[in-house]
Amino acid sequence: MPKAELLSSNEALRRFGELWKLQKEDVMMMLAIVEYEYRANKTYTSGEIAILKKVLSEICKFLNGCAKEWEEFERKKLK
């Protein structure tokens, strides 16, 4: 499903896309910190940590998808 259909506006798509495109390293660091904090808590099973890692990777994919969709939107707009 296109990300633009999930979000409230093209502006939201642009902002999510820019977050990934312009601050990818910061986003990745934030997600790594979240994972580390869950691991350090030592109250979660390996299965629960695996689910967390899957969710964090889906967040990355979503942001990356927003960046790609916004770039495509911009290309079409310029034509």
PDB file of N, CA and C in Angstrom:
ATOM      1  N   MET A   1       0.849  -1.183   0.000  1.00  0.00           N
ATOM      2  CA  MET A   1       0.000   0.000   0.000  1.00  0.00           C
ATOM      3  C   MET A   1       0.892   1.243   0.000  1.00  0.00           C
ATOM      4  N   PRO A   2       0.589   2.194  -0.854  1.00  0.00           N
ATOM      5  CA  PRO A   2       1.385   3.426  -0.881  1.00  0.00           C
ATOM      6  C   PRO A   2       1.326   4.159   0.464  1.00  0.00           C
ATOM      7  N   LYS A   3       2.459   4.684   0.868  1.00  0.00           N
ATOM      8  CA  LYS A   3       2.538   5.400   2.148  1.00  0.00           C
ATOM      9  C   LYS A   3       1.656   6.634   2.142  1.00  0.00           C
ATOM     10  N   ALA A   4       1.545   7.279   0.975  1.00  0.00           N
ATOM     11  CA  ALA A   4       0.722   8.487   0.872  1.00  0.00           C
ATOM     12  C   ALA A   4      -0.728   8.209   1.263  1.00  0.00           C
ATOM     13  N   GLU A   5      -1.211   6.999   1.019  1.00  0.00           N
ATOM     14  CA  GLU A   5      -2.580   6.644   1.384  1.00  0.00           C
ATOM     15  C   GLU A   5      -2.737   6.471   2.895  1.00  0.00           C
ATOM     16  N   LEU A   6      -1.667   6.129   3.565  1.00  0.00           N
ATOM     17  CA  LEU A   6      -1.714   5.926   5.014  1.00  0.00           C
ATOM     18  C   LEU A   6      -1.593   7.236   5.789  1.00  0.00           C
ATOM     19  N   LEU A   7      -0.918   8.191   5.205  1.00  0.00           N
ATOM     20  CA  LEU A   7      -0.642   9.445   5.894  1.00  0.00           C
ATOM     21  C   LEU A   7      -1.726  10.472   5.610  1.00  0.00           C
ATOM     22  N   SER A   8      -1.778  11.492   6.442  1.00  0.00           N
ATOM     23  CA  SER A   8      -2.857  12.473   6.349  1.00  0.00           C
ATOM     24  C   SER A   8      -2.696  13.469   5.207  1.00  0.00           C
ATOM     25  N   SER A   9      -1.466  13.606   4.691  1.00  0.00           N
ATOM     26  CA  SER A   9      -1.246  14.606   3.642  1.00  0.00           C
ATOM     27  C   SER A   9       0.070  14.342   2.914  1.00  0.00           C
ATOM     28  N   ASN A  10       0.232  15.020   1.781  1.00  0.00           N
ATOM     29  CA  ASN A  10       1.512  14.957   1.082  1.00  0.00           C
ATOM     30  C   ASN A  10       2.612  15.597   1.925  1.00  0.00           C
ATOM     31  N   GLU A  11       2.239  16.580   2.722  1.00  0.00           N
ATOM     32  CA  GLU A  11       3.221  17.221   3.599  1.00  0.00           C
ATOM     33  C   GLU A  11       3.780  16.210   4.606  1.00  0.00           C
ATOM     34  N   ALA A  12       2.928  15.360   5.133  1.00  0.00           N
ATOM     35  CA  ALA A  12       3.382  14.319   6.061  1.00  0.00           C
ATOM     36  C   ALA A  12       4.316  13.346   5.339  1.00  0.00           C
ATOM     37  N   LEU A  13       3.961  12.984   4.120  1.00  0.00           N
ATOM     38  CA  LEU A  13       4.821  12.102   3.326  1.00  0.00           C
ATOM     39  C   LEU A  13       6.185  12.747   3.122  1.00  0.00           C
ATOM     40  N   ARG A  14       6.193  14.041   2.775  1.00  0.00           N
ATOM     41  CA  ARG A  14       7.449  14.761   2.568  1.00  0.00           C
ATOM     42  C   ARG A  14       8.288  14.772   3.845  1.00  0.00           C
ATOM     43  N   ARG A  15       7.656  15.072   4.976  1.00  0.00           N
ATOM     44  CA  ARG A  15       8.408  15.163   6.237  1.00  0.00           C
ATOM     45  C   ARG A  15       8.979  13.810   6.659  1.00  0.00           C
ATOM     46  N   PHE A  16       8.184  12.752   6.545  1.00  0.00           N
ATOM     47  CA  PHE A  16       8.704  11.419   6.869  1.00  0.00           C
ATOM     48  C   PHE A  16       9.832  11.041   5.921  1.00  0.00           C
ATOM     49  N   GLY A  17       9.663  11.351   4.651  1.00  0.00           N
ATOM     50  CA  GLY A  17      10.710  11.063   3.672  1.00  0.00           C
ATOM     51  C   GLY A  17      11.977  11.831   3.960  1.00  0.00           C
ATOM     52  N   GLU A  18      11.834  13.106   4.320  1.00  0.00           N
ATOM     53  CA  GLU A  18      13.016  13.910   4.646  1.00  0.00           C
ATOM     54  C   GLU A  18      13.700  13.429   5.917  1.00  0.00           C
ATOM     55  N   LEU A  19      12.904  12.977   6.871  1.00  0.00           N
ATOM     56  CA  LEU A  19      13.495  12.441   8.091  1.00  0.00           C
ATOM     57  C   LEU A  19      14.464  11.323   7.749  1.00  0.00           C
ATOM     58  N   TRP A  20      14.048  10.436   6.847  1.00  0.00           N
ATOM     59  CA  TRP A  20      14.914   9.334   6.445  1.00  0.00           C
ATOM     60  C   TRP A  20      16.067   9.826   5.578  1.00  0.00           C
ATOM     61  N   LYS A  21      15.740  10.655   4.603  1.00  0.00           N
ATOM     62  CA  LYS A  21      16.745  11.091   3.642  1.00  0.00           C
ATOM     63  C   LYS A  21      17.810  11.985   4.283  1.00  0.00           C
ATOM     64  N   LEU A  22      17.400  12.890   5.158  1.00  0.00           N
ATOM     65  CA  LEU A  22      18.326  13.872   5.712  1.00  0.00           C
ATOM     66  C   LEU A  22      18.920  13.475   7.057  1.00  0.00           C
ATOM     67  N   GLN A  23      18.232  12.582   7.778  1.00  0.00           N
ATOM     68  CA  GLN A  23      18.704  12.236   9.117  1.00  0.00           C
ATOM     69  C   GLN A  23      18.677  10.731   9.369  1.00  0.00           C
ATOM     70  N   LYS A  24      18.981   9.986   8.340  1.00  0.00           N
ATOM     71  CA  LYS A  24      18.952   8.527   8.418  1.00  0.00           C
ATOM     72  C   LYS A  24      19.814   8.006   9.576  1.00  0.00           C
ATOM     73  N   GLU A  25      21.015   8.559   9.722  1.00  0.00           N
ATOM     74  CA  GLU A  25      21.917   8.084  10.769  1.00  0.00           C
ATOM     75  C   GLU A  25      21.337   8.325  12.158  1.00  0.00           C
ATOM     76  N   ASP A  26      20.691   9.462  12.353  1.00  0.00           N
ATOM     77  CA  ASP A  26      20.071   9.756  13.646  1.00  0.00           C
ATOM     78  C   ASP A  26      18.902   8.807  13.922  1.00  0.00           C
ATOM     79  N   VAL A  27      18.116   8.542  12.903  1.00  0.00           N
ATOM     80  CA  VAL A  27      16.997   7.613  13.057  1.00  0.00           C
ATOM     81  C   VAL A  27      17.522   6.224  13.424  1.00  0.00           C
ATOM     82  N   MET A  28      18.544   5.771  12.717  1.00  0.00           N
ATOM     83  CA  MET A  28      19.116   4.453  12.996  1.00  0.00           C
ATOM     84  C   MET A  28      19.683   4.391  14.418  1.00  0.00           C
ATOM     85  N   MET A  29      20.327   5.472  14.851  1.00  0.00           N
ATOM     86  CA  MET A  29      20.871   5.509  16.216  1.00  0.00           C
ATOM     87  C   MET A  29      19.747   5.444  17.243  1.00  0.00           C
ATOM     88  N   MET A  30      18.675   6.181  17.021  1.00  0.00           N
ATOM     89  CA  MET A  30      17.547   6.160  17.940  1.00  0.00           C
ATOM     90  C   MET A  30      16.967   4.752  18.052  1.00  0.00           C
ATOM     91  N   LEU A  31      16.817   4.075  16.911  1.00  0.00           N
ATOM     92  CA  LEU A  31      16.264   2.722  16.933  1.00  0.00           C
ATOM     93  C   LEU A  31      17.225   1.745  17.617  1.00  0.00           C
ATOM     94  N   ALA A  32      18.517   1.930  17.419  1.00  0.00           N
ATOM     95  CA  ALA A  32      19.507   1.076  18.092  1.00  0.00           C
ATOM     96  C   ALA A  32      19.453   1.286  19.599  1.00  0.00           C
ATOM     97  N   ILE A  33      19.242   2.518  20.025  1.00  0.00           N
ATOM     98  CA  ILE A  33      19.144   2.804  21.462  1.00  0.00           C
ATOM     99  C   ILE A  33      17.904   2.145  22.048  1.00  0.00           C
ATOM    100  N   VAL A  34      16.802   2.214  21.326  1.00  0.00           N
ATOM    101  CA  VAL A  34      15.572   1.555  21.797  1.00  0.00           C
ATOM    102  C   VAL A  34      15.817   0.059  21.958  1.00  0.00           C
ATOM    103  N   GLU A  35      16.437  -0.556  20.955  1.00  0.00           N
ATOM    104  CA  GLU A  35      16.731  -1.987  21.045  1.00  0.00           C
ATOM    105  C   GLU A  35      17.651  -2.281  22.228  1.00  0.00           C
ATOM    106  N   TYR A  36      18.687  -1.471  22.388  1.00  0.00           N
ATOM    107  CA  TYR A  36      19.628  -1.677  23.493  1.00  0.00           C
ATOM    108  C   TYR A  36      18.911  -1.596  24.837  1.00  0.00           C
ATOM    109  N   GLU A  37      18.035  -0.609  24.996  1.00  0.00           N
ATOM    110  CA  GLU A  37      17.333  -0.456  26.273  1.00  0.00           C
ATOM    111  C   GLU A  37      16.445  -1.657  26.575  1.00  0.00           C
ATOM    112  N   TYR A  38      15.813  -2.213  25.557  1.00  0.00           N
ATOM    113  CA  TYR A  38      15.008  -3.412  25.762  1.00  0.00           C
ATOM    114  C   TYR A  38      15.895  -4.593  26.151  1.00  0.00           C
ATOM    115  N   ARG A  39      17.029  -4.733  25.466  1.00  0.00           N
ATOM    116  CA  ARG A  39      17.944  -5.837  25.785  1.00  0.00           C
ATOM    117  C   ARG A  39      18.507  -5.693  27.197  1.00  0.00           C
ATOM    118  N   ALA A  40      18.873  -4.467  27.566  1.00  0.00           N
ATOM    119  CA  ALA A  40      19.481  -4.208  28.869  1.00  0.00           C
ATOM    120  C   ALA A  40      18.498  -4.452  30.007  1.00  0.00           C
ATOM    121  N   ASN A  41      17.230  -4.319  29.734  1.00  0.00           N
ATOM    122  CA  ASN A  41      16.197  -4.519  30.741  1.00  0.00           C
ATOM    123  C   ASN A  41      16.185  -5.963  31.246  1.00  0.00           C
ATOM    124  N   LYS A  42      16.542  -6.888  30.399  1.00  0.00           N
ATOM    125  CA  LYS A  42      16.651  -8.320  30.719  1.00  0.00           C
ATOM    126  C   LYS A  42      15.361  -8.938  31.247  1.00  0.00           C
ATOM    127  N   THR A  43      14.240  -8.341  30.906  1.00  0.00           N
ATOM    128  CA  THR A  43      12.959  -8.944  31.291  1.00  0.00           C
ATOM    129  C   THR A  43      12.212  -9.462  30.070  1.00  0.00           C
ATOM    130  N   TYR A  44      12.799  -9.296  28.899  1.00  0.00           N
ATOM    131  CA  TYR A  44      12.158  -9.730  27.665  1.00  0.00           C
ATOM    132  C   TYR A  44      12.819 -11.001  27.154  1.00  0.00           C
ATOM    133  N   THR A  45      12.007 -11.871  26.597  1.00  0.00           N
ATOM    134  CA  THR A  45      12.527 -13.124  26.049  1.00  0.00           C
ATOM    135  C   THR A  45      13.208 -12.841  24.709  1.00  0.00           C
ATOM    136  N   SER A  46      13.961 -13.815  24.244  1.00  0.00           N
ATOM    137  CA  SER A  46      14.606 -13.654  22.933  1.00  0.00           C
ATOM    138  C   SER A  46      13.555 -13.523  21.829  1.00  0.00           C
ATOM    139  N   GLY A  47      12.428 -14.180  21.994  1.00  0.00           N
ATOM    140  CA  GLY A  47      11.338 -14.057  21.024  1.00  0.00           C
ATOM    141  C   GLY A  47      10.760 -12.648  20.999  1.00  0.00           C
ATOM    142  N   GLU A  48      10.605 -12.072  22.173  1.00  0.00           N
ATOM    143  CA  GLU A  48      10.087 -10.703  22.250  1.00  0.00           C
ATOM    144  C   GLU A  48      11.087  -9.702  21.653  1.00  0.00           C
ATOM    145  N   ILE A  49      12.363  -9.933  21.881  1.00  0.00           N
ATOM    146  CA  ILE A  49      13.393  -9.069  21.291  1.00  0.00           C
ATOM    147  C   ILE A  49      13.381  -9.214  19.770  1.00  0.00           C
ATOM    148  N   ALA A  50      13.186 -10.434  19.289  1.00  0.00           N
ATOM    149  CA  ALA A  50      13.122 -10.654  17.842  1.00  0.00           C
ATOM    150  C   ALA A  50      11.941  -9.882  17.232  1.00  0.00           C
ATOM    151  N   ILE A  51      10.823  -9.873  17.922  1.00  0.00           N
ATOM    152  CA  ILE A  51       9.655  -9.116  17.453  1.00  0.00           C
ATOM    153  C   ILE A  51       9.969  -7.626  17.446  1.00  0.00           C
ATOM    154  N   LEU A  52      10.611  -7.153  18.495  1.00  0.00           N
ATOM    155  CA  LEU A  52      11.002  -5.742  18.560  1.00  0.00           C
ATOM    156  C   LEU A  52      11.903  -5.379  17.385  1.00  0.00           C
ATOM    157  N   LYS A  53      12.888  -6.211  17.108  1.00  0.00           N
ATOM    158  CA  LYS A  53      13.799  -5.947  15.991  1.00  0.00           C
ATOM    159  C   LYS A  53      13.036  -5.905  14.666  1.00  0.00           C
ATOM    160  N   LYS A  54      12.053  -6.777  14.513  1.00  0.00           N
ATOM    161  CA  LYS A  54      11.233  -6.785  13.299  1.00  0.00           C
ATOM    162  C   LYS A  54      10.454  -5.477  13.187  1.00  0.00           C
ATOM    163  N   VAL A  55       9.880  -5.019  14.283  1.00  0.00           N
ATOM    164  CA  VAL A  55       9.125  -3.763  14.277  1.00  0.00           C
ATOM    165  C   VAL A  55      10.038  -2.590  13.941  1.00  0.00           C
ATOM    166  N   LEU A  56      11.221  -2.558  14.541  1.00  0.00           N
ATOM    167  CA  LEU A  56      12.161  -1.476  14.259  1.00  0.00           C
ATOM    168  C   LEU A  56      12.583  -1.479  12.795  1.00  0.00           C
ATOM    169  N   SER A  57      12.772  -2.660  12.230  1.00  0.00           N
ATOM    170  CA  SER A  57      13.135  -2.722  10.804  1.00  0.00           C
ATOM    171  C   SER A  57      11.970  -2.265   9.930  1.00  0.00           C
ATOM    172  N   GLU A  58      10.751  -2.543  10.343  1.00  0.00           N
ATOM    173  CA  GLU A  58       9.577  -2.087   9.592  1.00  0.00           C
ATOM    174  C   GLU A  58       9.469  -0.561   9.633  1.00  0.00           C
ATOM    175  N   ILE A  59       9.860   0.044  10.741  1.00  0.00           N
ATOM    176  CA  ILE A  59       9.886   1.512  10.829  1.00  0.00           C
ATOM    177  C   ILE A  59      10.870   2.064   9.802  1.00  0.00           C
ATOM    178  N   CYS A  60      12.049   1.463   9.725  1.00  0.00           N
ATOM    179  CA  CYS A  60      13.049   1.889   8.732  1.00  0.00           C
ATOM    180  C   CYS A  60      12.500   1.744   7.323  1.00  0.00           C
ATOM    181  N   LYS A  61      11.876   0.628   7.034  1.00  0.00           N
ATOM    182  CA  LYS A  61      11.310   0.405   5.701  1.00  0.00           C
ATOM    183  C   LYS A  61      10.226   1.424   5.383  1.00  0.00           C
ATOM    184  N   PHE A  62       9.416   1.750   6.376  1.00  0.00           N
ATOM    185  CA  PHE A  62       8.358   2.731   6.169  1.00  0.00           C
ATOM    186  C   PHE A  62       8.947   4.095   5.821  1.00  0.00           C
ATOM    187  N   LEU A  63       9.918   4.536   6.598  1.00  0.00           N
ATOM    188  CA  LEU A  63      10.538   5.836   6.342  1.00  0.00           C
ATOM    189  C   LEU A  63      11.241   5.849   4.988  1.00  0.00           C
ATOM    190  N   ASN A  64      11.931   4.782   4.665  1.00  0.00           N
ATOM    191  CA  ASN A  64      12.598   4.673   3.373  1.00  0.00           C
ATOM    192  C   ASN A  64      11.563   4.712   2.245  1.00  0.00           C
ATOM    193  N   GLY A  65      10.474   4.020   2.430  1.00  0.00           N
ATOM    194  CA  GLY A  65       9.402   4.031   1.442  1.00  0.00           C
ATOM    195  C   GLY A  65       8.816   5.427   1.259  1.00  0.00           C
ATOM    196  N   CYS A  66       8.674   6.162   2.345  1.00  0.00           N
ATOM    197  CA  CYS A  66       8.185   7.538   2.257  1.00  0.00           C
ATOM    198  C   CYS A  66       9.151   8.386   1.441  1.00  0.00           C
ATOM    199  N   ALA A  67      10.440   8.229   1.680  1.00  0.00           N
ATOM    200  CA  ALA A  67      11.442   8.991   0.936  1.00  0.00           C
ATOM    201  C   ALA A  67      11.346   8.681  -0.550  1.00  0.00           C
ATOM    202  N   LYS A  68      11.217   7.410  -0.889  1.00  0.00           N
ATOM    203  CA  LYS A  68      11.132   7.016  -2.300  1.00  0.00           C
ATOM    204  C   LYS A  68       9.843   7.523  -2.947  1.00  0.00           C
ATOM    205  N   GLU A  69       8.726   7.420  -2.233  1.00  0.00           N
ATOM    206  CA  GLU A  69       7.461   7.907  -2.781  1.00  0.00           C
ATOM    207  C   GLU A  69       7.496   9.418  -2.992  1.00  0.00           C
ATOM    208  N   TRP A  70       8.099  10.140  -2.038  1.00  0.00           N
ATOM    209  CA  TRP A  70       8.168  11.589  -2.184  1.00  0.00           C
ATOM    210  C   TRP A  70       9.034  11.960  -3.392  1.00  0.00           C
ATOM    211  N   GLU A  71      10.145  11.273  -3.554  1.00  0.00           N
ATOM    212  CA  GLU A  71      10.999  11.538  -4.718  1.00  0.00           C
ATOM    213  C   GLU A  71      10.235  11.287  -6.018  1.00  0.00           C
ATOM    214  N   GLU A  72       9.469  10.218  -6.065  1.00  0.00           N
ATOM    215  CA  GLU A  72       8.666   9.912  -7.249  1.00  0.00           C
ATOM    216  C   GLU A  72       7.602  10.981  -7.475  1.00  0.00           C
ATOM    217  N   PHE A  73       6.950  11.415  -6.401  1.00  0.00           N
ATOM    218  CA  PHE A  73       5.955  12.475  -6.484  1.00  0.00           C
ATOM    219  C   PHE A  73       6.589  13.750  -7.055  1.00  0.00           C
ATOM    220  N   GLU A  74       7.755  14.094  -6.575  1.00  0.00           N
ATOM    221  CA  GLU A  74       8.464  15.286  -7.056  1.00  0.00           C
ATOM    222  C   GLU A  74       8.834  15.148  -8.534  1.00  0.00           C
ATOM    223  N   ARG A  75       9.299  13.981  -8.936  1.00  0.00           N
ATOM    224  CA  ARG A  75       9.640  13.743 -10.340  1.00  0.00           C
ATOM    225  C   ARG A  75       8.423  13.929 -11.241  1.00  0.00           C
ATOM    226  N   LYS A  76       7.307  13.358 -10.833  1.00  0.00           N
ATOM    227  CA  LYS A  76       6.087  13.464 -11.627  1.00  0.00           C
ATOM    228  C   LYS A  76       5.601  14.912 -11.697  1.00  0.00           C
ATOM    229  N   LYS A  77       5.768  15.627 -10.590  1.00  0.00           N
ATOM    230  CA  LYS A  77       5.334  17.019 -10.538  1.00  0.00           C
ATOM    231  C   LYS A  77       6.149  17.894 -11.488  1.00  0.00           C
ATOM    232  N   LEU A  78       7.417  17.551 -11.668  1.00  0.00           N
ATOM    233  CA  LEU A  78       8.295  18.339 -12.540  1.00  0.00           C
ATOM    234  C   LEU A  78       8.031  18.089 -14.016  1.00  0.00           C
ATOM    235  N   LYS A  79       7.402  16.987 -14.357  1.00  0.00           N
ATOM    236  CA  LYS A  79       7.139  16.642 -15.772  1.00  0.00           C
ATOM    237  C   LYS A  79       6.038  17.475 -16.365  1.00  0.00           C
TER     238      LYS A  79
END
